[in-house]
C-alpha atoms as a PDB file:
ATOM      1  CA  MET A   1      -0.181  -0.016   0.220  1.00  0.00           C
ATOM      2  CA  LYS A   2       1.028   3.502  -0.490  1.00  0.00           C
ATOM      3  CA  ASN A   3       2.712   5.439   2.573  1.00  0.00           C
ATOM      4  CA  ALA A   4       3.751   8.840   3.223  1.00  0.00           C
ATOM      5  CA  ILE A   5       6.483   9.537   5.654  1.00  0.00           C
ATOM      6  CA  VAL A   6       6.681  13.302   6.924  1.00  0.00           C
ATOM      7  CA  ALA A   7      10.107  14.434   7.708  1.00  0.00           C
ATOM      8  CA  LYS A   8      11.378  18.068   8.986  1.00  0.00           C
ATOM      9  CA  GLY A   9      10.560  20.722   6.472  1.00  0.00           C
ATOM     10  CA  PRO A  10       8.104  19.674   5.969  1.00  0.00           C
ATOM     11  CA  LYS A  11       9.444  16.903   3.196  1.00  0.00           C
ATOM     12  CA  VAL A  12       7.111  13.931   2.237  1.00  0.00           C
ATOM     13  CA  THR A  13       8.300  11.021   0.832  1.00  0.00           C
ATOM     14  CA  ILE A  14       5.710   8.151  -0.263  1.00  0.00           C
ATOM     15  CA  ASN A  15       6.782   4.388   0.051  1.00  0.00           C
ATOM     16  CA  ASP A  16       5.279   1.184  -0.395  1.00  0.00           C
ATOM     17  CA  VAL A  17       4.552  -1.029   2.877  1.00  0.00           C
ATOM     18  CA  PRO A  18       2.666  -4.288   3.363  1.00  0.00           C
ATOM     19  CA  ILE A  19      -0.948  -3.498   4.663  1.00  0.00           C
ATOM     20  CA  PRO A  20      -0.866  -4.203   8.215  1.00  0.00           C
ATOM     21  CA  THR A  21      -3.119  -6.695  10.481  1.00  0.00           C
ATOM     22  CA  PRO A  22      -5.268  -5.171  13.426  1.00  0.00           C
ATOM     23  CA  SER A  23      -4.243  -6.594  16.529  1.00  0.00           C
ATOM     24  CA  ALA A  24      -7.384  -7.884  19.031  1.00  0.00           C
ATOM     25  CA  TYR A  25      -8.894  -4.523  19.891  1.00  0.00           C
ATOM     26  CA  GLN A  26      -7.796  -2.616  16.596  1.00  0.00           C
ATOM     27  CA  VAL A  27      -9.593  -1.889  13.209  1.00  0.00           C
ATOM     28  CA  LEU A  28      -8.075  -1.587   9.995  1.00  0.00           C
ATOM     29  CA  ILE A  29      -9.599   0.839   7.749  1.00  0.00           C
ATOM     30  CA  LYS A  30      -9.188   1.548   4.061  1.00  0.00           C
ATOM     31  CA  VAL A  31      -8.962   5.399   4.125  1.00  0.00           C
ATOM     32  CA  VAL A  32     -11.193   7.184   1.843  1.00  0.00           C
ATOM     33  CA  TYR A  33     -10.012  10.773   3.262  1.00  0.00           C
ATOM     34  CA  SER A  34      -7.442  11.612   5.963  1.00  0.00           C
ATOM     35  CA  GLY A  35      -7.370  14.957   7.380  1.00  0.00           C
ATOM     36  CA  SER A  36      -4.657  16.848   8.997  1.00  0.00           C
ATOM     37  CA  ASN A  37      -3.769  18.579  11.941  1.00  0.00           C
ATOM     38  CA  PRO A  38      -0.708  21.497  12.826  1.00  0.00           C
ATOM     39  CA  LYS A  39       1.009  18.650  14.709  1.00  0.00           C
ATOM     40  CA  ASP A  40       1.362  16.764  11.279  1.00  0.00           C
ATOM     41  CA  TRP A  41       4.137  19.015  10.265  1.00  0.00           C
ATOM     42  CA  LYS A  42       5.704  20.210  13.953  1.00  0.00           C
ATOM     43  CA  ARG A  43       6.196  16.601  15.421  1.00  0.00           C
ATOM     44  CA  PRO A  44       8.524  15.791  12.578  1.00  0.00           C
ATOM     45  CA  GLN A  45      10.392  18.960  13.183  1.00  0.00           C
ATOM     46  CA  HIS A  46      11.704  17.743  16.153  1.00  0.00           C
ATOM     47  CA  GLY A  47      11.574  13.547  16.089  1.00  0.00           C
ATOM     48  CA  GLU A  48      12.132  10.883  13.384  1.00  0.00           C
ATOM     49  CA  PRO A  49      10.008  10.840  10.134  1.00  0.00           C
ATOM     50  CA  HIS A  50       6.597   9.067  10.490  1.00  0.00           C
ATOM     51  CA  ASN A  51       3.316   8.736   9.022  1.00  0.00           C
ATOM     52  CA  SER A  52       2.178  11.691  11.086  1.00  0.00           C
ATOM     53  CA  GLY A  53      -1.250  11.464  10.261  1.00  0.00           C
ATOM     54  CA  ASP A  54      -4.335  10.656  12.707  1.00  0.00           C
ATOM     55  CA  ASP A  55      -7.476  11.811  11.054  1.00  0.00           C
ATOM     56  CA  ILE A  56      -9.307   8.889   9.152  1.00  0.00           C
ATOM     57  CA  ALA A  57     -12.568   8.342   7.248  1.00  0.00           C
ATOM     58  CA  GLY A  58     -12.943   5.127   5.514  1.00  0.00           C
ATOM     59  CA  LEU A  59     -14.507   1.601   5.021  1.00  0.00           C
ATOM     60  CA  VAL A  60     -13.997  -1.059   7.703  1.00  0.00           C
ATOM     61  CA  GLU A  61     -11.514  -3.549   6.332  1.00  0.00           C
ATOM     62  CA  ALA A  62     -10.616  -5.792   8.858  1.00  0.00           C
ATOM     63  CA  VAL A  63     -11.101  -6.182  12.708  1.00  0.00           C
ATOM     64  CA  GLY A  64      -9.264  -7.758  15.615  1.00  0.00           C
ATOM     65  CA  GLU A  65     -10.357 -10.659  17.266  1.00  0.00           C
ATOM     66  CA  ASN A  66     -11.885  -9.022  20.322  1.00  0.00           C
ATOM     67  CA  VAL A  67     -13.800  -6.244  18.309  1.00  0.00           C
ATOM     68  CA  VAL A  68     -17.492  -6.515  18.888  1.00  0.00           C
ATOM     69  CA  GLU A  69     -18.569  -3.079  17.421  1.00  0.00           C
ATOM     70  CA  PHE A  70     -17.551  -3.146  13.767  1.00  0.00           C
ATOM     71  CA  ARG A  71     -17.471  -5.163  10.676  1.00  0.00           C
ATOM     72  CA  LYS A  72     -16.046  -5.121   7.476  1.00  0.00           C
ATOM     73  CA  GLY A  73     -17.729  -2.407   5.479  1.00  0.00           C
ATOM     74  CA  ASP A  74     -18.958  -0.090   7.807  1.00  0.00           C
ATOM     75  CA  ARG A  75     -18.254   3.513   7.427  1.00  0.00           C
ATOM     76  CA  VAL A  76     -16.088   4.820   9.899  1.00  0.00           C
ATOM     77  CA  ALA A  77     -14.154   8.198  11.154  1.00  0.00           C
ATOM     78  CA  ALA A  78     -11.394   7.475  13.576  1.00  0.00           C
ATOM     79  CA  PHE A  79      -8.434   9.064  15.605  1.00  0.00           C
ATOM     80  CA  HIS A  80      -5.364   6.633  15.317  1.00  0.00           C
ATOM     81  CA  GLU A  81      -3.213   7.028  18.110  1.00  0.00           C
ATOM     82  CA  MET A  82      -0.602   9.282  17.796  1.00  0.00           C
ATOM     83  CA  MET A  83       3.189   8.294  17.136  1.00  0.00           C
ATOM     84  CA  THR A  84       2.509   4.677  16.480  1.00  0.00           C
ATOM     85  CA  PRO A  85       2.755   2.791  12.819  1.00  0.00           C
ATOM     86  CA  TYR A  86       0.046   2.987  10.339  1.00  0.00           C
ATOM     87  CA  GLY A  87      -0.972   6.389  10.349  1.00  0.00           C
ATOM     88  CA  SER A  88      -4.138   7.856   8.125  1.00  0.00           C
ATOM     89  CA  PHE A  89      -1.407   9.380   5.501  1.00  0.00           C
ATOM     90  CA  ALA A  90      -1.775   5.695   3.975  1.00  0.00           C
ATOM     91  CA  GLU A  91      -3.971   3.634   1.782  1.00  0.00           C
ATOM     92  CA  TYR A  92      -5.132   1.649   5.096  1.00  0.00           C
ATOM     93  CA  ALA A  93      -4.846   3.008   8.515  1.00  0.00           C
ATOM     94  CA  ILE A  94      -5.136   1.194  11.732  1.00  0.00           C
ATOM     95  CA  ALA A  95      -7.140   2.893  14.749  1.00  0.00           C
ATOM     96  CA  GLU A  96      -8.085   1.484  18.294  1.00  0.00           C
ATOM     97  CA  ASP A  97     -11.508   0.142  18.208  1.00  0.00           C
ATOM     98  CA  CYS A  98     -12.437   2.850  21.385  1.00  0.00           C
ATOM     99  CA  THR A  99     -11.606   5.600  18.943  1.00  0.00           C
ATOM    100  CA  THR A 100     -13.483   4.340  16.085  1.00  0.00           C
ATOM    101  CA  PHE A 101     -16.757   5.825  15.574  1.00  0.00           C
ATOM    102  CA  HIS A 102     -19.693   4.795  13.010  1.00  0.00           C
ATOM    103  CA  LEU A 103     -20.552   7.525  10.487  1.00  0.00           C
ATOM    104  CA  PRO A 104     -23.926   8.030   9.390  1.00  0.00           C
ATOM    105  CA  LYS A 105     -25.230   7.685   5.841  1.00  0.00           C
ATOM    106  CA  LYS A 106     -26.134  11.375   5.842  1.00  0.00           C
ATOM    107  CA  THR A 107     -22.155  11.983   7.106  1.00  0.00           C
ATOM    108  CA  SER A 108     -19.837  12.309   4.015  1.00  0.00           C
ATOM    109  CA  PHE A 109     -15.980  10.942   4.366  1.00  0.00           C
ATOM    110  CA  GLU A 110     -14.938  14.434   3.763  1.00  0.00           C
ATOM    111  CA  GLU A 111     -16.898  15.515   6.934  1.00  0.00           C
ATOM    112  CA  GLY A 112     -15.564  12.453   9.152  1.00  0.00           C
ATOM    113  CA  ALA A 113     -11.938  13.207   7.903  1.00  0.00           C
ATOM    114  CA  ALA A 114     -12.382  16.915   9.584  1.00  0.00           C
ATOM    115  CA  ILE A 115     -13.821  15.741  12.894  1.00  0.00           C
ATOM    116  CA  PRO A 116     -11.490  12.817  14.887  1.00  0.00           C
ATOM    117  CA  LEU A 117      -8.539  14.780  16.604  1.00  0.00           C
ATOM    118  CA  ALA A 118      -9.740  18.274  16.753  1.00  0.00           C
ATOM    119  CA  ALA A 119     -12.941  17.650  18.352  1.00  0.00           C
ATOM    120  CA  MET A 120     -11.808  14.961  20.776  1.00  0.00           C
ATOM    121  CA  THR A 121      -9.298  17.936  21.948  1.00  0.00           C
ATOM    122  CA  ALA A 122     -12.152  20.386  22.047  1.00  0.00           C
ATOM    123  CA  ALA A 123     -13.846  17.720  24.348  1.00  0.00           C
ATOM    124  CA  VAL A 124     -11.024  16.697  26.679  1.00  0.00           C
ATOM    125  CA  GLY A 125     -10.127  20.571  27.049  1.00  0.00           C
ATOM    126  CA  LEU A 126     -13.636  21.779  28.230  1.00  0.00           C
ATOM    127  CA  TYR A 127     -14.765  18.494  30.479  1.00  0.00           C
ATOM    128  CA  LEU A 128     -11.758  16.758  31.514  1.00  0.00           C
ATOM    129  CA  ARG A 129      -9.232  19.891  32.072  1.00  0.00           C
ATOM    130  CA  LEU A 130     -11.667  22.711  32.556  1.00  0.00           C
ATOM    131  CA  GLY A 131     -14.232  20.300  34.060  1.00  0.00           C
ATOM    132  CA  LEU A 132     -16.972  22.452  32.556  1.00  0.00           C
ATOM    133  CA  PRO A 133     -20.698  20.612  32.709  1.00  0.00           C
ATOM    134  CA  GLU A 134     -21.110  18.068  30.291  1.00  0.00           C
ATOM    135  CA  PRO A 135     -24.209  17.793  27.205  1.00  0.00           C
ATOM    136  CA  TRP A 136     -25.780  15.489  29.085  1.00  0.00           C
ATOM    137  CA  LYS A 137     -26.013  17.906  31.873  1.00  0.00           C
ATOM    138  CA  PRO A 138     -26.052  21.174  30.872  1.00  0.00           C
ATOM    139  CA  THR A 139     -25.944  24.079  32.947  1.00  0.00           C
ATOM    140  CA  SER A 140     -28.811  26.546  33.666  1.00  0.00           C
ATOM    141  CA  ALA A 141     -26.233  29.207  35.179  1.00  0.00           C
ATOM    142  CA  PRO A 142     -24.567  32.091  33.295  1.00  0.00           C
ATOM    143  CA  THR A 143     -21.056  30.528  32.535  1.00  0.00           C
ATOM    144  CA  PRO A 144     -18.644  32.816  31.099  1.00  0.00           C
ATOM    145  CA  LEU A 145     -15.913  31.353  28.529  1.00  0.00           C
ATOM    146  CA  ILE A 146     -13.384  32.473  26.669  1.00  0.00           C
ATOM    147  CA  VAL A 147     -12.349  30.423  23.554  1.00  0.00           C
ATOM    148  CA  TYR A 148      -9.260  32.103  21.893  1.00  0.00           C
ATOM    149  CA  GLY A 149      -8.383  30.599  18.383  1.00  0.00           C
ATOM    150  CA  ALA A 150     -12.565  30.377  17.357  1.00  0.00           C
ATOM    151  CA  SER A 151     -12.141  29.580  13.969  1.00  0.00           C
ATOM    152  CA  GLY A 152      -9.740  27.014  14.156  1.00  0.00           C
ATOM    153  CA  ALA A 153     -11.033  23.368  14.221  1.00  0.00           C
ATOM    154  CA  VAL A 154     -10.376  22.839  18.047  1.00  0.00           C
ATOM    155  CA  GLY A 155     -11.638  26.505  18.696  1.00  0.00           C
ATOM    156  CA  ALA A 156     -15.016  26.000  16.883  1.00  0.00           C
ATOM    157  CA  TYR A 157     -15.852  22.334  18.010  1.00  0.00           C
ATOM    158  CA  ALA A 158     -14.963  23.876  21.893  1.00  0.00           C
ATOM    159  CA  ILE A 159     -17.856  26.165  20.789  1.00  0.00           C
ATOM    160  CA  LYS A 160     -20.334  23.930  19.567  1.00  0.00           C
ATOM    161  CA  LEU A 161     -19.862  21.619  22.330  1.00  0.00           C
ATOM    162  CA  ALA A 162     -19.878  24.470  24.859  1.00  0.00           C
ATOM    163  CA  GLN A 163     -23.479  25.314  23.163  1.00  0.00           C
ATOM    164  CA  LEU A 164     -24.591  21.749  23.859  1.00  0.00           C
ATOM    165  CA  SER A 165     -23.756  22.427  27.688  1.00  0.00           C
ATOM    166  CA  ASN A 166     -25.573  25.525  27.784  1.00  0.00           C
ATOM    167  CA  ILE A 167     -22.497  27.329  28.410  1.00  0.00           C
ATOM    168  CA  HIS A 168     -22.607  31.315  27.853  1.00  0.00           C
ATOM    169  CA  PRO A 169     -21.847  33.599  27.213  1.00  0.00           C
ATOM    170  CA  ILE A 170     -18.928  32.718  25.384  1.00  0.00           C
ATOM    171  CA  ILE A 171     -16.372  35.184  24.134  1.00  0.00           C
ATOM    172  CA  ALA A 172     -14.800  34.018  20.977  1.00  0.00           C
ATOM    173  CA  VAL A 173     -11.407  35.644  19.782  1.00  0.00           C
ATOM    174  CA  ALA A 174     -10.982  35.366  16.031  1.00  0.00           C
ATOM    175  CA  GLY A 175      -9.368  36.897  13.207  1.00  0.00           C
ATOM    176  CA  ARG A 176      -9.872  36.826   9.235  1.00  0.00           C
ATOM    177  CA  ALA A 177     -12.410  33.486   9.672  1.00  0.00           C
ATOM    178  CA  SER A 178     -14.922  36.115  11.984  1.00  0.00           C
ATOM    179  CA  ASP A 179     -17.820  35.528   9.698  1.00  0.00           C
ATOM    180  CA  PHE A 180     -17.744  31.899  10.067  1.00  0.00           C
ATOM    181  CA  VAL A 181     -17.392  32.035  13.917  1.00  0.00           C
ATOM    182  CA  GLU A 182     -20.515  34.445  13.530  1.00  0.00           C
ATOM    183  CA  LYS A 183     -22.406  31.130  12.729  1.00  0.00           C
ATOM    184  CA  LEU A 184     -21.058  29.140  15.730  1.00  0.00           C
ATOM    185  CA  ILE A 185     -22.212  31.483  18.564  1.00  0.00           C
ATOM    186  CA  THR A 186     -25.708  32.856  19.716  1.00  0.00           C
ATOM    187  CA  ARG A 187     -25.928  36.537  20.657  1.00  0.00           C
ATOM    188  CA  GLU A 188     -29.132  36.366  22.515  1.00  0.00           C
ATOM    189  CA  LYS A 189     -27.397  34.116  25.194  1.00  0.00           C
ATOM    190  CA  GLY A 190     -24.474  37.015  25.301  1.00  0.00           C
ATOM    191  CA  ASP A 191     -21.905  35.197  23.289  1.00  0.00           C
ATOM    192  CA  THR A 192     -19.868  37.728  21.282  1.00  0.00           C
ATOM    193  CA  ILE A 193     -16.501  37.787  19.036  1.00  0.00           C
ATOM    194  CA  VAL A 194     -13.623  40.039  19.690  1.00  0.00           C
ATOM    195  CA  ASP A 195     -10.697  40.407  16.845  1.00  0.00           C
ATOM    196  CA  HIS A 196      -7.457  39.718  17.889  1.00  0.00           C
ATOM    197  CA  ARG A 197      -6.181  41.153  14.782  1.00  0.00           C
ATOM    198  CA  LYS A 198      -6.594  44.966  16.709  1.00  0.00           C
ATOM    199  CA  GLY A 199      -3.641  44.017  19.167  1.00  0.00           C
ATOM    200  CA  ASP A 200      -3.022  42.602  22.698  1.00  0.00           C
ATOM    201  CA  GLU A 201      -4.807  45.914  24.157  1.00  0.00           C
ATOM    202  CA  ALA A 202      -7.907  45.618  22.283  1.00  0.00           C
ATOM    203  CA  VAL A 203      -8.216  41.797  22.645  1.00  0.00           C
ATOM    204  CA  VAL A 204      -8.093  42.457  26.503  1.00  0.00           C
ATOM    205  CA  ALA A 205     -10.350  45.704  26.694  1.00  0.00           C
ATOM    206  CA  GLY A 206     -12.878  43.746  23.927  1.00  0.00           C
ATOM    207  CA  ILE A 207     -13.450  40.734  26.369  1.00  0.00           C
ATOM    208  CA  LEU A 208     -13.916  42.984  29.199  1.00  0.00           C
ATOM    209  CA  GLU A 209     -16.498  45.072  27.452  1.00  0.00           C
ATOM    210  CA  ALA A 210     -17.963  41.820  26.308  1.00  0.00           C
ATOM    211  CA  LEU A 211     -18.235  40.545  29.724  1.00  0.00           C
ATOM    212  CA  LYS A 212     -19.672  43.934  31.135  1.00  0.00           C
ATOM    213  CA  LYS A 213     -22.489  43.993  28.150  1.00  0.00           C
ATOM    214  CA  ALA A 214     -23.399  40.194  29.173  1.00  0.00           C
ATOM    215  CA  GLY A 215     -23.877  41.000  32.480  1.00  0.00           C
ATOM    216  CA  ALA A 216     -21.088  39.211  33.803  1.00  0.00           C
ATOM    217  CA  ARG A 217     -19.053  40.264  37.058  1.00  0.00           C
ATOM    218  CA  GLU A 218     -16.190  38.134  35.916  1.00  0.00           C
ATOM    219  CA  VAL A 219     -14.951  35.102  33.973  1.00  0.00           C
ATOM    220  CA  LYS A 220     -13.255  31.870  35.458  1.00  0.00           C
ATOM    221  CA  TYR A 221     -12.936  29.645  32.388  1.00  0.00           C
ATOM    222  CA  ALA A 222     -10.584  29.941  29.168  1.00  0.00           C
ATOM    223  CA  PHE A 223      -9.659  27.496  26.431  1.00  0.00           C
ATOM    224  CA  ASP A 224      -6.560  28.789  24.751  1.00  0.00           C
ATOM    225  CA  ALA A 225      -6.567  27.142  21.179  1.00  0.00           C
ATOM    226  CA  ILE A 226      -3.894  28.984  20.018  1.00  0.00           C
ATOM    227  CA  SER A 227      -1.310  28.710  23.248  1.00  0.00           C
ATOM    228  CA  GLU A 228       0.994  31.358  21.573  1.00  0.00           C
ATOM    229  CA  HIS A 229       1.253  34.987  19.821  1.00  0.00           C
ATOM    230  CA  ASN A 230       0.159  36.372  23.642  1.00  0.00           C
ATOM    231  CA  SER A 231      -2.760  34.397  23.905  1.00  0.00           C
ATOM    232  CA  PHE A 232      -2.380  33.490  27.368  1.00  0.00           C
ATOM    233  CA  GLN A 233      -0.901  36.362  28.633  1.00  0.00           C
ATOM    234  CA  ASN A 234      -3.955  38.533  27.335  1.00  0.00           C
ATOM    235  CA  ILE A 235      -6.228  35.915  28.858  1.00  0.00           C
ATOM    236  CA  SER A 236      -4.333  36.134  32.276  1.00  0.00           C
ATOM    237  CA  LYS A 237      -5.006  39.927  32.537  1.00  0.00           C
ATOM    238  CA  ILE A 238      -8.857  39.171  32.458  1.00  0.00           C
ATOM    239  CA  LEU A 239      -9.449  35.598  34.414  1.00  0.00           C
ATOM    240  CA  ALA A 240     -10.691  36.061  37.860  1.00  0.00           C
ATOM    241  CA  LYS A 241      -8.711  36.475  40.780  1.00  0.00           C
ATOM    242  CA  GLN A 242     -10.009  33.204  42.559  1.00  0.00           C
ATOM    243  CA  GLY A 243     -11.080  29.705  40.949  1.00  0.00           C
ATOM    244  CA  SER A 244      -9.731  30.174  37.622  1.00  0.00           C
ATOM    245  CA  LYS A 245      -8.867  27.654  35.023  1.00  0.00           C
ATOM    246  CA  ILE A 246      -7.449  27.876  31.891  1.00  0.00           C
ATOM    247  CA  THR A 247      -6.206  25.065  29.700  1.00  0.00           C
ATOM    248  CA  LEU A 248      -3.845  25.412  26.397  1.00  0.00           C
ATOM    249  CA  VAL A 249      -2.993  22.924  23.729  1.00  0.00           C
ATOM    250  CA  LEU A 250       0.454  23.337  23.009  1.00  0.00           C
ATOM    251  CA  PRO A 251       3.012  21.080  25.417  1.00  0.00           C
ATOM    252  CA  GLY A 252       6.814  22.017  26.015  1.00  0.00           C
ATOM    253  CA  LYS A 253       5.805  25.398  26.406  1.00  0.00           C
ATOM    254  CA  ASP A 254       6.994  28.276  29.248  1.00  0.00           C
ATOM    255  CA  TYR A 255       3.707  28.691  30.773  1.00  0.00           C
ATOM    256  CA  SER A 256       5.482  30.567  33.502  1.00  0.00           C
ATOM    257  CA  ALA A 257       4.007  34.079  32.500  1.00  0.00           C
ATOM    258  CA  ILE A 258       0.205  32.773  34.082  1.00  0.00           C
ATOM    259  CA  PRO A 259       0.224  33.714  37.565  1.00  0.00           C
ATOM    260  CA  SER A 260      -0.355  31.386  40.077  1.00  0.00           C
ATOM    261  CA  HIS A 261      -3.469  32.062  40.970  1.00  0.00           C
ATOM    262  CA  ILE A 262      -4.438  30.751  37.752  1.00  0.00           C
ATOM    263  CA  GLU A 263      -4.880  26.637  37.387  1.00  0.00           C
ATOM    264  CA  HIS A 264      -3.447  25.762  34.240  1.00  0.00           C
ATOM    265  CA  SER A 265      -3.413  22.610  32.464  1.00  0.00           C
ATOM    266  CA  THR A 266      -2.151  21.141  28.705  1.00  0.00           C
ATOM    267  CA  THR A 267      -4.847  19.533  26.948  1.00  0.00           C
ATOM    268  CA  MET A 268      -3.457  16.075  25.364  1.00  0.00           C
ATOM    269  CA  VAL A 269      -5.782  14.556  22.873  1.00  0.00           C
ATOM    270  CA  GLY A 270      -3.635  11.561  23.269  1.00  0.00           C
ATOM    271  CA  SER A 271      -4.910  10.776  26.464  1.00  0.00           C
ATOM    272  CA  VAL A 272      -7.688   9.163  24.748  1.00  0.00           C
ATOM    273  CA  HIS A 273      -5.394   6.132  24.189  1.00  0.00           C
ATOM    274  CA  MET A 274      -4.403   6.060  27.926  1.00  0.00           C
ATOM    275  CA  ALA A 275      -5.451   3.784  30.733  1.00  0.00           C
ATOM    276  CA  PRO A 276      -5.733   5.393  34.343  1.00  0.00           C
ATOM    277  CA  SER A 277      -2.188   6.173  35.882  1.00  0.00           C
ATOM    278  CA  GLU A 278      -0.575   3.587  38.453  1.00  0.00           C
ATOM    279  CA  ASP A 279      -1.536   5.889  41.241  1.00  0.00           C
ATOM    280  CA  LYS A 280      -5.205   5.989  40.111  1.00  0.00           C
ATOM    281  CA  ALA A 281      -4.938   2.171  39.379  1.00  0.00           C
ATOM    282  CA  GLU A 282      -3.466   1.911  42.884  1.00  0.00           C
ATOM    283  CA  LEU A 283      -6.400   3.385  44.278  1.00  0.00           C
ATOM    284  CA  GLY A 284      -8.931   1.182  42.415  1.00  0.00           C
ATOM    285  CA  ILE A 285      -9.897   3.708  39.737  1.00  0.00           C
ATOM    286  CA  LYS A 286     -10.565   1.536  36.411  1.00  0.00           C
ATOM    287  CA  THR A 287     -11.612   4.470  34.053  1.00  0.00           C
ATOM    288  CA  GLY A 288     -10.076   7.243  32.222  1.00  0.00           C
ATOM    289  CA  GLY A 289      -9.091   8.704  29.436  1.00  0.00           C
ATOM    290  CA  LYS A 290      -9.934   5.839  27.268  1.00  0.00           C
ATOM    291  CA  GLU A 291     -13.827   5.711  28.421  1.00  0.00           C
ATOM    292  CA  PHE A 292     -13.836   9.559  27.923  1.00  0.00           C
ATOM    293  CA  GLY A 293     -12.973   9.167  24.746  1.00  0.00           C
ATOM    294  CA  TYR A 294     -14.489   6.004  23.975  1.00  0.00           C
ATOM    295  CA  ALA A 295     -18.106   8.029  25.097  1.00  0.00           C
ATOM    296  CA  TYR A 296     -17.363  11.181  23.334  1.00  0.00           C
ATOM    297  CA  PHE A 297     -16.669   9.642  19.857  1.00  0.00           C
ATOM    298  CA  ARG A 298     -20.076   7.727  20.104  1.00  0.00           C
ATOM    299  CA  LEU A 299     -21.648  11.350  21.067  1.00  0.00           C
ATOM    300  CA  PHE A 300     -20.002  12.331  17.979  1.00  0.00           C
ATOM    301  CA  SER A 301     -21.694   9.788  15.798  1.00  0.00           C
ATOM    302  CA  ARG A 302     -25.226  10.354  17.608  1.00  0.00           C
ATOM    303  CA  GLY A 303     -25.147  14.174  17.064  1.00  0.00           C
ATOM    304  CA  LEU A 304     -24.412  13.793  13.429  1.00  0.00           C
ATOM    305  CA  ARG A 305     -26.937  11.329  13.143  1.00  0.00           C
ATOM    306  CA  GLU A 306     -29.412  13.512  14.788  1.00  0.00           C
ATOM    307  CA  GLY A 307     -28.468  16.562  13.377  1.00  0.00           C
ATOM    308  CA  TRP A 308     -27.053  18.813  16.309  1.00  0.00           C
ATOM    309  CA  PHE A 309     -23.416  18.050  15.693  1.00  0.00           C
ATOM    310  CA  THR A 310     -21.426  19.127  12.661  1.00  0.00           C
ATOM    311  CA  ALA A 311     -17.990  18.676  11.189  1.00  0.00           C
ATOM    312  CA  HIS A 312     -15.924  21.489  10.688  1.00  0.00           C
ATOM    313  CA  PRO A 313     -15.490  23.004   7.249  1.00  0.00           C
ATOM    314  CA  TYR A 314     -12.535  21.394   5.204  1.00  0.00           C
ATOM    315  CA  GLU A 315     -10.712  22.120   1.773  1.00  0.00           C
ATOM    316  CA  VAL A 316      -9.897  19.302  -0.008  1.00  0.00           C
ATOM    317  CA  VAL A 317      -6.171  19.259  -1.135  1.00  0.00           C
ATOM    318  CA  PRO A 318      -5.574  18.236  -4.531  1.00  0.00           C
ATOM    319  CA  GLY A 319      -3.377  14.911  -5.638  1.00  0.00           C
ATOM    320  CA  GLY A 320      -3.889  12.695  -2.726  1.00  0.00           C
ATOM    321  CA  LEU A 321      -0.692  11.996  -0.817  1.00  0.00           C
ATOM    322  CA  ASN A 322       1.111  13.950  -3.246  1.00  0.00           C
ATOM    323  CA  GLY A 323      -0.625  17.023  -2.232  1.00  0.00           C
ATOM    324  CA  LEU A 324       0.538  16.582   1.587  1.00  0.00           C
ATOM    325  CA  GLU A 325       3.961  18.235   1.537  1.00  0.00           C
ATOM    326  CA  LYS A 326       2.183  21.249   0.122  1.00  0.00           C
ATOM    327  CA  GLY A 327      -0.785  20.824   2.192  1.00  0.00           C
ATOM    328  CA  LEU A 328       1.454  20.712   5.612  1.00  0.00           C
ATOM    329  CA  SER A 329       3.409  23.617   4.589  1.00  0.00           C
ATOM    330  CA  ASP A 330       0.603  25.558   3.765  1.00  0.00           C
ATOM    331  CA  LEU A 331      -0.691  24.806   7.528  1.00  0.00           C
ATOM    332  CA  LYS A 332       2.921  25.581   8.548  1.00  0.00           C
ATOM    333  CA  ASN A 333       2.829  29.003   6.849  1.00  0.00           C
ATOM    334  CA  GLY A 334      -0.599  29.877   8.291  1.00  0.00           C
ATOM    335  CA  VAL A 335      -2.552  29.787   4.618  1.00  0.00           C
ATOM    336  CA  ASN A 336      -5.703  28.412   5.759  1.00  0.00           C
ATOM    337  CA  SER A 337      -8.229  29.894   8.057  1.00  0.00           C
ATOM    338  CA  GLY A 338     -11.512  28.391   9.465  1.00  0.00           C
ATOM    339  CA  THR A 339     -11.026  25.190   7.471  1.00  0.00           C
ATOM    340  CA  LYS A 340      -9.319  21.637   7.649  1.00  0.00           C
ATOM    341  CA  TYR A 341      -7.121  20.516   5.408  1.00  0.00           C
ATOM    342  CA  ILE A 342      -8.102  17.005   4.130  1.00  0.00           C
ATOM    343  CA  TYR A 343      -6.824  14.251   1.356  1.00  0.00           C
ATOM    344  CA  LYS A 344      -8.408  11.966  -0.789  1.00  0.00           C
ATOM    345  CA  ILE A 345      -6.361   9.199  -0.930  1.00  0.00           C
ATOM    346  CA  GLU A 346      -7.389   7.376  -4.193  1.00  0.00           C
ATOM    347  CA  ASP A 347      -6.069  10.517  -5.999  1.00  0.00           C
ATOM    348  CA  THR A 348      -2.421   9.579  -5.194  1.00  0.00           C
ATOM    349  CA  ARG A 349      -0.265   8.729  -8.112  1.00  0.00           C
END
């Protein structure tokens, strides 16, 4: 099968490798479309070249002996386990059954490829890291939330999920794709957009003004889906002096500028492939990130079927895997805005 390897640059080479065999709890998927994410070019910058794709949409080809939920021919999307072999930049990919989910008939493979990693990152950030009310137990109390980087896939999914949890007012910080963000928010509930292109002082002033207009005295929660370009510094000037939380998406950065009174965490979507830590296991805790991911991917599937959850807008990069190097380079250079780049694998030469 064709398999793309991403190296520093990004530089992409395509080679031929055998089709893998799924282990007991894995699903082998014939990839129709692969999504892509900024980490797909970032990780190879500092590590070994590898197939860095993790967003899969396609048809089940085979399942492991302990898989009961899927069978050959099923339409699925899946989140491939990061930094393991057989990622989505190939004709066939491997995913764990717990991070694979059914695509309803009305959901296209293109839409499916735009969901897994980004939507799950949003869920982990909102519910595991910030501890906000979950969609099946929506809040009835005003719960101000800052979403910084609202037009990107992670930020947009965070807004969609926050809406399901009835979290308002949402202060969405965005730029040139603000028209897209406007379709996600609910002005009647106090939601608003602040334009980051006006500069840091204007962002801080804009958020404070938005809170005032919404009748909110303070804000305690922030999802920083950018985590650079002074995003968390700006947020830190606004969050309440007590009980505040911010979650960020870039690991390994220096977040010492965040004041000590603000609880900060890093949202790592890879946690949905992890069992409880040894410390938790010793306390008898048997569930954790894997179960969280299992539940939310199935929630996404139901939402797609019922119509209250939708995929992020996407652009198909021409050429299949042959277009991957250009697509990743454009991601690196910030060419796209408000869309996910996806790749039709059968267009590979």
